[in-house]
Full PDB file with SEQRES, HELIX, SHEET, SSBOND, CRYST1, ORIGX, SCALE, CONECT and MASTER records, all heavy atoms in Angstrom:
SEQRES   1 A   39  HIS SER ALA ASP THR GLY SER PHE SER ALA ALA ALA ARG          
SEQRES   2 A   39  ARG LEU GLY LEU THR PRO ALA ALA VAL SER LYS ASN VAL          
SEQRES   3 A   39  ALA ARG LEU GLU ASN HIS LEU GLY LEU ARG LEU PHE GLN          
HELIX    1 AA1 SER A    2  THR A    5  1                                   4    
HELIX    2 AA2 PHE A    8  LEU A   15  1                                   8    
HELIX    3 AA3 PRO A   19  LEU A   33  1                                  15    
CRYST1    1.000    1.000    1.000  90.00  90.00  90.00 P 1           1          
ORIGX1      1.000000  0.000000  0.000000        0.00000                         
ORIGX2      0.000000  1.000000  0.000000        0.00000                         
ORIGX3      0.000000  0.000000  1.000000        0.00000                         
SCALE1      1.000000  0.000000  0.000000        0.00000                         
SCALE2      0.000000  1.000000  0.000000        0.00000                         
SCALE3      0.000000  0.000000  1.000000        0.00000                         
ATOM      1  N   HIS A   1      85.851 198.873 108.037  1.00  0.00           N  
ATOM      2  CA  HIS A   1      85.792 198.661 106.554  1.00  0.00           C  
ATOM      3  C   HIS A   1      86.957 197.931 106.243  1.00  0.00           C  
ATOM      4  O   HIS A   1      86.783 196.990 105.330  1.00  0.00           O  
ATOM      5  CB  HIS A   1      85.686 199.939 105.891  1.00  0.00           C  
ATOM      6  CG  HIS A   1      84.264 200.616 105.868  1.00  0.00           C  
ATOM      7  ND1 HIS A   1      83.126 199.957 105.342  1.00  0.00           N  
ATOM      8  CD2 HIS A   1      83.843 201.645 106.575  1.00  0.00           C  
ATOM      9  CE1 HIS A   1      82.098 200.719 105.567  1.00  0.00           C  
ATOM     10  NE2 HIS A   1      82.499 201.741 106.322  1.00  0.00           N  
ATOM     11  N   SER A   2      88.093 198.121 106.681  1.00  0.00           N  
ATOM     12  CA  SER A   2      89.322 197.358 106.363  1.00  0.00           C  
ATOM     13  C   SER A   2      89.233 195.876 106.656  1.00  0.00           C  
ATOM     14  O   SER A   2      89.535 194.928 105.940  1.00  0.00           O  
ATOM     15  CB  SER A   2      90.677 197.947 106.839  1.00  0.00           C  
ATOM     16  OG  SER A   2      90.856 199.250 106.352  1.00  0.00           O  
ATOM     17  N   ALA A   3      88.733 195.793 107.989  1.00  0.00           N  
ATOM     18  CA  ALA A   3      88.563 194.251 108.482  1.00  0.00           C  
ATOM     19  C   ALA A   3      87.358 193.618 107.665  1.00  0.00           C  
ATOM     20  O   ALA A   3      87.532 192.481 107.408  1.00  0.00           O  
ATOM     21  CB  ALA A   3      88.087 194.360 109.911  1.00  0.00           C  
ATOM     22  N   ASP A   4      86.417 194.223 107.339  1.00  0.00           N  
ATOM     23  CA  ASP A   4      85.278 193.687 106.554  1.00  0.00           C  
ATOM     24  C   ASP A   4      85.744 193.273 105.144  1.00  0.00           C  
ATOM     25  O   ASP A   4      85.444 192.174 104.730  1.00  0.00           O  
ATOM     26  CB  ASP A   4      84.097 194.732 106.297  1.00  0.00           C  
ATOM     27  CG  ASP A   4      83.175 194.758 107.571  1.00  0.00           C  
ATOM     28  OD1 ASP A   4      83.177 193.729 108.347  1.00  0.00           O  
ATOM     29  OD2 ASP A   4      82.396 195.745 107.685  1.00  0.00           O  
ATOM     30  N   THR A   5      86.524 194.060 104.552  1.00  0.00           N  
ATOM     31  CA  THR A   5      86.945 193.740 103.150  1.00  0.00           C  
ATOM     32  C   THR A   5      88.296 193.188 103.054  1.00  0.00           C  
ATOM     33  O   THR A   5      88.533 192.492 101.979  1.00  0.00           O  
ATOM     34  CB  THR A   5      87.044 195.150 102.407  1.00  0.00           C  
ATOM     35  OG1 THR A   5      88.008 195.984 102.872  1.00  0.00           O  
ATOM     36  CG2 THR A   5      85.715 195.846 102.342  1.00  0.00           C  
ATOM     37  N   GLY A   6      89.065 193.228 104.035  1.00  0.00           N  
ATOM     38  CA  GLY A   6      90.451 192.544 104.025  1.00  0.00           C  
ATOM     39  C   GLY A   6      91.368 193.387 103.106  1.00  0.00           C  
ATOM     40  O   GLY A   6      92.391 192.760 102.651  1.00  0.00           O  
ATOM     41  N   SER A   7      91.015 194.608 102.898  1.00  0.00           N  
ATOM     42  CA  SER A   7      91.896 195.512 102.082  1.00  0.00           C  
ATOM     43  C   SER A   7      91.753 197.005 102.407  1.00  0.00           C  
ATOM     44  O   SER A   7      90.650 197.443 102.625  1.00  0.00           O  
ATOM     45  CB  SER A   7      91.380 195.197 100.556  1.00  0.00           C  
ATOM     46  OG  SER A   7      91.782 196.279  99.705  1.00  0.00           O  
ATOM     47  N   PHE A   8      92.823 197.572 102.425  1.00  0.00           N  
ATOM     48  CA  PHE A   8      92.773 199.139 102.617  1.00  0.00           C  
ATOM     49  C   PHE A   8      92.148 199.802 101.282  1.00  0.00           C  
ATOM     50  O   PHE A   8      91.459 200.816 101.423  1.00  0.00           O  
ATOM     51  CB  PHE A   8      94.245 199.675 102.834  1.00  0.00           C  
ATOM     52  CG  PHE A   8      94.702 199.397 104.204  1.00  0.00           C  
ATOM     53  CD1 PHE A   8      96.054 199.178 104.359  1.00  0.00           C  
ATOM     54  CD2 PHE A   8      93.931 199.288 105.377  1.00  0.00           C  
ATOM     55  CE1 PHE A   8      96.529 198.946 105.644  1.00  0.00           C  
ATOM     56  CE2 PHE A   8      94.441 198.967 106.657  1.00  0.00           C  
ATOM     57  CZ  PHE A   8      95.753 198.806 106.703  1.00  0.00           C  
ATOM     58  N   SER A   9      92.477 199.239 100.161  1.00  0.00           N  
ATOM     59  CA  SER A   9      92.019 199.713  98.878  1.00  0.00           C  
ATOM     60  C   SER A   9      90.457 199.648  98.833  1.00  0.00           C  
ATOM     61  O   SER A   9      89.823 200.605  98.477  1.00  0.00           O  
ATOM     62  CB  SER A   9      92.619 199.108  97.719  1.00  0.00           C  
ATOM     63  OG  SER A   9      94.041 199.321  97.627  1.00  0.00           O  
ATOM     64  N   ALA A  10      89.870 198.589  99.141  1.00  0.00           N  
ATOM     65  CA  ALA A  10      88.510 198.283  99.127  1.00  0.00           C  
ATOM     66  C   ALA A  10      87.722 199.200 100.056  1.00  0.00           C  
ATOM     67  O   ALA A  10      86.685 199.834  99.921  1.00  0.00           O  
ATOM     68  CB  ALA A  10      88.065 196.871  99.352  1.00  0.00           C  
ATOM     69  N   ALA A  11      88.359 199.377 101.413  1.00  0.00           N  
ATOM     70  CA  ALA A  11      87.851 200.251 102.450  1.00  0.00           C  
ATOM     71  C   ALA A  11      87.900 201.629 101.950  1.00  0.00           C  
ATOM     72  O   ALA A  11      86.895 202.400 102.198  1.00  0.00           O  
ATOM     73  CB  ALA A  11      88.703 200.040 103.678  1.00  0.00           C  
ATOM     74  N   ALA A  12      89.035 202.026 101.232  1.00  0.00           N  
ATOM     75  CA  ALA A  12      89.120 203.429 100.793  1.00  0.00           C  
ATOM     76  C   ALA A  12      87.990 203.730  99.689  1.00  0.00           C  
ATOM     77  O   ALA A  12      87.337 204.795  99.861  1.00  0.00           O  
ATOM     78  CB  ALA A  12      90.555 203.552 100.081  1.00  0.00           C  
ATOM     79  N   ARG A  13      87.617 202.778  98.847  1.00  0.00           N  
ATOM     80  CA  ARG A  13      86.596 202.937  97.940  1.00  0.00           C  
ATOM     81  C   ARG A  13      85.219 203.197  98.529  1.00  0.00           C  
ATOM     82  O   ARG A  13      84.494 203.984  98.185  1.00  0.00           O  
ATOM     83  CB  ARG A  13      86.531 201.826  96.914  1.00  0.00           C  
ATOM     84  CG  ARG A  13      87.602 201.841  95.863  1.00  0.00           C  
ATOM     85  CD  ARG A  13      87.315 200.776  94.769  1.00  0.00           C  
ATOM     86  NE  ARG A  13      87.372 199.396  95.255  1.00  0.00           N  
ATOM     87  CZ  ARG A  13      88.664 198.751  95.247  1.00  0.00           C  
ATOM     88  NH1 ARG A  13      89.831 199.353  94.985  1.00  0.00           N  
ATOM     89  NH2 ARG A  13      88.588 197.422  95.691  1.00  0.00           N  
ATOM     90  N   ARG A  14      84.975 202.379  99.593  1.00  0.00           N  
ATOM     91  CA  ARG A  14      83.716 202.491 100.358  1.00  0.00           C  
ATOM     92  C   ARG A  14      83.655 203.909 101.099  1.00  0.00           C  
ATOM     93  O   ARG A  14      82.566 204.372 101.239  1.00  0.00           O  
ATOM     94  CB  ARG A  14      83.570 201.390 101.435  1.00  0.00           C  
ATOM     95  CG  ARG A  14      83.273 199.995 100.826  1.00  0.00           C  
ATOM     96  CD  ARG A  14      82.996 199.105 102.030  1.00  0.00           C  
ATOM     97  NE  ARG A  14      82.653 197.821 101.555  1.00  0.00           N  
ATOM     98  CZ  ARG A  14      82.477 196.706 102.304  1.00  0.00           C  
ATOM     99  NH1 ARG A  14      82.396 196.992 103.648  1.00  0.00           N  
ATOM    100  NH2 ARG A  14      82.081 195.623 101.852  1.00  0.00           N  
ATOM    101  N   LEU A  15      84.817 204.327 101.469  1.00  0.00           N  
ATOM    102  CA  LEU A  15      84.721 205.626 102.395  1.00  0.00           C  
ATOM    103  C   LEU A  15      85.041 206.859 101.546  1.00  0.00           C  
ATOM    104  O   LEU A  15      84.880 207.976 102.177  1.00  0.00           O  
ATOM    105  CB  LEU A  15      85.816 205.422 103.545  1.00  0.00           C  
ATOM    106  CG  LEU A  15      85.614 204.285 104.563  1.00  0.00           C  
ATOM    107  CD1 LEU A  15      86.792 204.083 105.352  1.00  0.00           C  
ATOM    108  CD2 LEU A  15      84.459 204.709 105.355  1.00  0.00           C  
ATOM    109  N   GLY A  16      85.395 206.757 100.322  1.00  0.00           N  
ATOM    110  CA  GLY A  16      85.779 207.847  99.480  1.00  0.00           C  
ATOM    111  C   GLY A  16      87.006 208.526  99.889  1.00  0.00           C  
ATOM    112  O   GLY A  16      87.252 209.651  99.716  1.00  0.00           O  
ATOM    113  N   LEU A  17      88.006 207.610 100.291  1.00  0.00           N  
ATOM    114  CA  LEU A  17      89.375 208.151 100.746  1.00  0.00           C  
ATOM    115  C   LEU A  17      90.406 207.435  99.855  1.00  0.00           C  
ATOM    116  O   LEU A  17      90.043 206.567  99.029  1.00  0.00           O  
ATOM    117  CB  LEU A  17      89.565 207.760 102.249  1.00  0.00           C  
ATOM    118  CG  LEU A  17      88.657 208.472 103.225  1.00  0.00           C  
ATOM    119  CD1 LEU A  17      88.986 207.677 104.560  1.00  0.00           C  
ATOM    120  CD2 LEU A  17      88.881 209.858 103.340  1.00  0.00           C  
ATOM    121  N   THR A  18      91.568 207.859  99.997  1.00  0.00           N  
ATOM    122  CA  THR A  18      92.660 207.133  99.405  1.00  0.00           C  
ATOM    123  C   THR A  18      93.097 205.921 100.204  1.00  0.00           C  
ATOM    124  O   THR A  18      92.897 205.963 101.388  1.00  0.00           O  
ATOM    125  CB  THR A  18      93.908 207.975  99.176  1.00  0.00           C  
ATOM    126  OG1 THR A  18      94.493 208.430 100.446  1.00  0.00           O  
ATOM    127  CG2 THR A  18      93.571 209.199  98.357  1.00  0.00           C  
ATOM    128  N   PRO A  19      93.696 204.908  99.651  1.00  0.00           N  
ATOM    129  CA  PRO A  19      94.156 203.729 100.487  1.00  0.00           C  
ATOM    130  C   PRO A  19      95.317 204.207 101.505  1.00  0.00           C  
ATOM    131  O   PRO A  19      95.268 203.727 102.579  1.00  0.00           O  
ATOM    132  CB  PRO A  19      94.843 202.849  99.384  1.00  0.00           C  
ATOM    133  CG  PRO A  19      94.106 203.094  98.113  1.00  0.00           C  
ATOM    134  CD  PRO A  19      93.711 204.592  98.202  1.00  0.00           C  
ATOM    135  N   ALA A  20      96.106 205.193 101.087  1.00  0.00           N  
ATOM    136  CA  ALA A  20      96.976 205.723 102.106  1.00  0.00           C  
ATOM    137  C   ALA A  20      96.423 206.387 103.272  1.00  0.00           C  
ATOM    138  O   ALA A  20      96.878 206.181 104.385  1.00  0.00           O  
ATOM    139  CB  ALA A  20      97.959 206.702 101.324  1.00  0.00           C  
ATOM    140  N   ALA A  21      95.267 207.014 103.030  1.00  0.00           N  
ATOM    141  CA  ALA A  21      94.579 207.716 104.231  1.00  0.00           C  
ATOM    142  C   ALA A  21      93.994 206.592 104.996  1.00  0.00           C  
ATOM    143  O   ALA A  21      94.141 206.808 106.332  1.00  0.00           O  
ATOM    144  CB  ALA A  21      93.544 208.633 103.593  1.00  0.00           C  
ATOM    145  N   VAL A  22      93.414 205.605 104.563  1.00  0.00           N  
ATOM    146  CA  VAL A  22      92.797 204.558 105.372  1.00  0.00           C  
ATOM    147  C   VAL A  22      93.963 203.895 106.155  1.00  0.00           C  
ATOM    148  O   VAL A  22      93.843 203.642 107.287  1.00  0.00           O  
ATOM    149  CB  VAL A  22      92.072 203.561 104.409  1.00  0.00           C  
ATOM    150  CG1 VAL A  22      91.599 202.278 105.349  1.00  0.00           C  
ATOM    151  CG2 VAL A  22      90.751 204.146 103.847  1.00  0.00           C  
ATOM    152  N   SER A  23      95.026 203.591 105.505  1.00  0.00           N  
ATOM    153  CA  SER A  23      96.113 202.938 106.249  1.00  0.00           C  
ATOM    154  C   SER A  23      96.713 203.820 107.242  1.00  0.00           C  
ATOM    155  O   SER A  23      96.862 203.409 108.481  1.00  0.00           O  
ATOM    156  CB  SER A  23      97.230 202.801 105.262  1.00  0.00           C  
ATOM    157  OG  SER A  23      98.466 202.114 105.808  1.00  0.00           O  
ATOM    158  N   LYS A  24      96.796 205.143 107.108  1.00  0.00           N  
ATOM    159  CA  LYS A  24      97.176 205.992 108.137  1.00  0.00           C  
ATOM    160  C   LYS A  24      96.148 206.115 109.290  1.00  0.00           C  
ATOM    161  O   LYS A  24      96.577 206.209 110.488  1.00  0.00           O  
ATOM    162  CB  LYS A  24      97.302 207.466 107.574  1.00  0.00           C  
ATOM    163  CG  LYS A  24      98.776 207.480 106.824  1.00  0.00           C  
ATOM    164  CD  LYS A  24      98.925 208.965 106.266  1.00  0.00           C  
ATOM    165  CE  LYS A  24     100.112 208.922 105.350  1.00  0.00           C  
ATOM    166  NZ  LYS A  24     100.404 210.305 104.700  1.00  0.00           N  
ATOM    167  N   ASN A  25      94.911 206.106 109.023  1.00  0.00           N  
ATOM    168  CA  ASN A  25      93.943 206.121 109.933  1.00  0.00           C  
ATOM    169  C   ASN A  25      94.032 204.813 110.933  1.00  0.00           C  
ATOM    170  O   ASN A  25      93.972 204.913 112.120  1.00  0.00           O  
ATOM    171  CB  ASN A  25      92.424 206.096 109.396  1.00  0.00           C  
ATOM    172  CG  ASN A  25      92.138 207.525 108.974  1.00  0.00           C  
ATOM    173  OD1 ASN A  25      92.723 208.526 109.279  1.00  0.00           O  
ATOM    174  ND2 ASN A  25      91.056 207.612 108.120  1.00  0.00           N  
ATOM    175  N   VAL A  26      94.195 203.661 110.302  1.00  0.00           N  
ATOM    176  CA  VAL A  26      94.394 202.391 111.025  1.00  0.00           C  
ATOM    177  C   VAL A  26      95.677 202.611 111.885  1.00  0.00           C  
ATOM    178  O   VAL A  26      95.680 202.128 113.017  1.00  0.00           O  
ATOM    179  CB  VAL A  26      94.446 201.277 110.062  1.00  0.00           C  
ATOM    180  CG1 VAL A  26      94.780 199.930 110.917  1.00  0.00           C  
ATOM    181  CG2 VAL A  26      93.037 201.024 109.460  1.00  0.00           C  
ATOM    182  N   ALA A  27      96.806 203.053 111.323  1.00  0.00           N  
ATOM    183  CA  ALA A  27      98.050 203.218 112.132  1.00  0.00           C  
ATOM    184  C   ALA A  27      97.801 204.144 113.310  1.00  0.00           C  
ATOM    185  O   ALA A  27      98.272 203.837 114.495  1.00  0.00           O  
ATOM    186  CB  ALA A  27      99.095 203.655 111.138  1.00  0.00           C  
ATOM    187  N   ARG A  28      97.071 205.175 113.088  1.00  0.00           N  
ATOM    188  CA  ARG A  28      96.783 206.027 114.253  1.00  0.00           C  
ATOM    189  C   ARG A  28      96.005 205.358 115.309  1.00  0.00           C  
ATOM    190  O   ARG A  28      96.107 205.531 116.513  1.00  0.00           O  
ATOM    191  CB  ARG A  28      95.963 207.323 113.765  1.00  0.00           C  
ATOM    192  CG  ARG A  28      96.751 208.333 113.086  1.00  0.00           C  
ATOM    193  CD  ARG A  28      95.972 209.533 112.780  1.00  0.00           C  
ATOM    194  NE  ARG A  28      96.636 210.254 111.731  1.00  0.00           N  
ATOM    195  CZ  ARG A  28      96.279 210.638 110.548  1.00  0.00           C  
ATOM    196  NH1 ARG A  28      95.090 210.256 110.155  1.00  0.00           N  
ATOM    197  NH2 ARG A  28      96.991 211.415 109.682  1.00  0.00           N  
ATOM    198  N   LEU A  29      95.034 204.574 114.948  1.00  0.00           N  
ATOM    199  CA  LEU A  29      94.158 203.762 115.880  1.00  0.00           C  
ATOM    200  C   LEU A  29      95.065 202.817 116.786  1.00  0.00           C  
ATOM    201  O   LEU A  29      94.939 202.698 117.825  1.00  0.00           O  
ATOM    202  CB  LEU A  29      93.036 203.120 115.191  1.00  0.00           C  
ATOM    203  CG  LEU A  29      92.052 202.277 116.036  1.00  0.00           C  
ATOM    204  CD1 LEU A  29      91.341 203.145 117.093  1.00  0.00           C  
ATOM    205  CD2 LEU A  29      91.004 201.535 115.165  1.00  0.00           C  
ATOM    206  N   GLU A  30      95.932 202.078 115.877  1.00  0.00           N  
ATOM    207  CA  GLU A  30      96.817 201.234 116.438  1.00  0.00           C  
ATOM    208  C   GLU A  30      97.702 201.800 117.498  1.00  0.00           C  
ATOM    209  O   GLU A  30      97.917 201.319 118.640  1.00  0.00           O  
ATOM    210  CB  GLU A  30      97.663 200.457 115.369  1.00  0.00           C  
ATOM    211  CG  GLU A  30      96.884 199.449 114.665  1.00  0.00           C  
ATOM    212  CD  GLU A  30      97.738 198.873 113.481  1.00  0.00           C  
ATOM    213  OE1 GLU A  30      98.643 199.600 112.952  1.00  0.00           O  
ATOM    214  OE2 GLU A  30      97.563 197.699 113.105  1.00  0.00           O  
ATOM    215  N   ASN A  31      98.204 203.067 117.237  1.00  0.00           N  
ATOM    216  CA  ASN A  31      99.081 203.779 118.173  1.00  0.00           C  
ATOM    217  C   ASN A  31      98.306 204.155 119.334  1.00  0.00           C  
ATOM    218  O   ASN A  31      98.764 204.121 120.443  1.00  0.00           O  
ATOM    219  CB  ASN A  31      99.709 204.980 117.399  1.00  0.00           C  
ATOM    220  CG  ASN A  31     100.879 204.665 116.548  1.00  0.00           C  
ATOM    221  OD1 ASN A  31     101.413 203.681 116.570  1.00  0.00           O  
ATOM    222  ND2 ASN A  31     100.955 205.526 115.540  1.00  0.00           N  
ATOM    223  N   HIS A  32      97.019 204.700 119.245  1.00  0.00           N  
ATOM    224  CA  HIS A  32      96.266 205.133 120.212  1.00  0.00           C  
ATOM    225  C   HIS A  32      95.900 203.953 121.234  1.00  0.00           C  
ATOM    226  O   HIS A  32      95.890 204.091 122.476  1.00  0.00           O  
ATOM    227  CB  HIS A  32      94.936 205.764 119.735  1.00  0.00           C  
ATOM    228  CG  HIS A  32      93.996 206.045 120.806  1.00  0.00           C  
ATOM    229  ND1 HIS A  32      94.215 207.194 121.661  1.00  0.00           N  
ATOM    230  CD2 HIS A  32      92.836 205.541 121.215  1.00  0.00           C  
ATOM    231  CE1 HIS A  32      93.149 207.308 122.476  1.00  0.00           C  
ATOM    232  NE2 HIS A  32      92.316 206.228 122.187  1.00  0.00           N  
ATOM    233  N   LEU A  33      95.635 202.829 120.597  1.00  0.00           N  
ATOM    234  CA  LEU A  33      95.256 201.589 121.403  1.00  0.00           C  
ATOM    235  C   LEU A  33      96.471 200.846 121.956  1.00  0.00           C  
ATOM    236  O   LEU A  33      96.467 200.098 122.986  1.00  0.00           O  
ATOM    237  CB  LEU A  33      94.484 200.534 120.524  1.00  0.00           C  
ATOM    238  CG  LEU A  33      93.124 200.974 120.069  1.00  0.00           C  
ATOM    239  CD1 LEU A  33      92.593 200.032 119.105  1.00  0.00           C  
ATOM    240  CD2 LEU A  33      92.223 201.207 121.197  1.00  0.00           C  
ATOM    241  N   GLY A  34      97.734 201.085 121.363  1.00  0.00           N  
ATOM    242  CA  GLY A  34      98.910 200.306 121.788  1.00  0.00           C  
ATOM    243  C   GLY A  34      98.727 198.881 121.280  1.00  0.00           C  
ATOM    244  O   GLY A  34      99.275 198.013 122.016  1.00  0.00           O  
ATOM    245  N   LEU A  35      98.115 198.728 120.186  1.00  0.00           N  
ATOM    246  CA  LEU A  35      97.864 197.235 119.810  1.00  0.00           C  
ATOM    247  C   LEU A  35      97.927 197.192 118.291  1.00  0.00           C  
ATOM    248  O   LEU A  35      97.339 198.052 117.590  1.00  0.00           O  
ATOM    249  CB  LEU A  35      96.406 196.922 120.225  1.00  0.00           C  
ATOM    250  CG  LEU A  35      95.838 195.563 119.812  1.00  0.00           C  
ATOM    251  CD1 LEU A  35      96.479 194.326 120.493  1.00  0.00           C  
ATOM    252  CD2 LEU A  35      94.261 195.608 120.145  1.00  0.00           C  
ATOM    253  N   ARG A  36      98.547 196.197 117.833  1.00  0.00           N  
ATOM    254  CA  ARG A  36      98.672 195.870 116.426  1.00  0.00           C  
ATOM    255  C   ARG A  36      97.361 195.196 115.932  1.00  0.00           C  
ATOM    256  O   ARG A  36      97.112 194.127 116.428  1.00  0.00           O  
ATOM    257  CB  ARG A  36      99.883 195.115 116.063  1.00  0.00           C  
ATOM    258  CG  ARG A  36      99.980 194.918 114.524  1.00  0.00           C  
ATOM    259  CD  ARG A  36     101.491 195.078 114.167  1.00  0.00           C  
ATOM    260  NE  ARG A  36     101.659 194.872 112.765  1.00  0.00           N  
ATOM    261  CZ  ARG A  36     102.317 195.593 111.989  1.00  0.00           C  
ATOM    262  NH1 ARG A  36     103.007 196.539 112.528  1.00  0.00           N  
ATOM    263  NH2 ARG A  36     102.413 195.308 110.729  1.00  0.00           N  
ATOM    264  N   LEU A  37      96.675 195.814 115.022  1.00  0.00           N  
ATOM    265  CA  LEU A  37      95.212 195.255 114.592  1.00  0.00           C  
ATOM    266  C   LEU A  37      95.377 194.358 113.408  1.00  0.00           C  
ATOM    267  O   LEU A  37      94.607 193.410 113.176  1.00  0.00           O  
ATOM    268  CB  LEU A  37      94.276 196.457 114.425  1.00  0.00           C  
ATOM    269  CG  LEU A  37      94.010 197.375 115.612  1.00  0.00           C  
ATOM    270  CD1 LEU A  37      93.293 198.483 115.099  1.00  0.00           C  
ATOM    271  CD2 LEU A  37      93.387 196.558 116.690  1.00  0.00           C  
ATOM    272  N   PHE A  38      96.290 194.694 112.453  1.00  0.00           N  
ATOM    273  CA  PHE A  38      96.364 193.917 111.263  1.00  0.00           C  
ATOM    274  C   PHE A  38      97.796 193.363 111.076  1.00  0.00           C  
ATOM    275  O   PHE A  38      98.763 193.995 111.448  1.00  0.00           O  
ATOM    276  CB  PHE A  38      96.035 194.810 110.001  1.00  0.00           C  
ATOM    277  CG  PHE A  38      94.624 195.158 109.906  1.00  0.00           C  
ATOM    278  CD1 PHE A  38      94.176 196.419 110.211  1.00  0.00           C  
ATOM    279  CD2 PHE A  38      93.722 194.245 109.454  1.00  0.00           C  
ATOM    280  CE1 PHE A  38      92.839 196.702 110.100  1.00  0.00           C  
ATOM    281  CE2 PHE A  38      92.405 194.516 109.406  1.00  0.00           C  
ATOM    282  CZ  PHE A  38      91.964 195.831 109.652  1.00  0.00           C  
ATOM    283  N   GLN A  39      97.860 192.244 110.350  1.00  0.00           N  
ATOM    284  CA  GLN A  39      99.208 191.784 109.883  1.00  0.00           C  
ATOM    285  C   GLN A  39      99.162 192.217 108.400  1.00  0.00           C  
ATOM    286  O   GLN A  39      98.355 191.732 107.672  1.00  0.00           O  
ATOM    287  CB  GLN A  39      99.259 190.288 109.935  1.00  0.00           C  
ATOM    288  CG  GLN A  39     100.564 189.664 109.542  1.00  0.00           C  
ATOM    289  CD  GLN A  39     101.720 190.088 110.362  1.00  0.00           C  
ATOM    290  OE1 GLN A  39     101.682 190.254 111.603  1.00  0.00           O  
ATOM    291  NE2 GLN A  39     102.768 190.369 109.725  1.00  0.00           N  
TER     292      GLN A  39                                                      
MASTER        0    0    0    3    0    0    0    6  291    1    0    3          
END                                                                             
């Protein structure tokens, strides 16, 4: 959703989460993959 919208805030609205929660989820995924997904 962040990639689709280009925004953590817009993704959060779609998912019913806070922007901080979406950002943390993406950071966890990046840590798990060992890959930076977003600039």
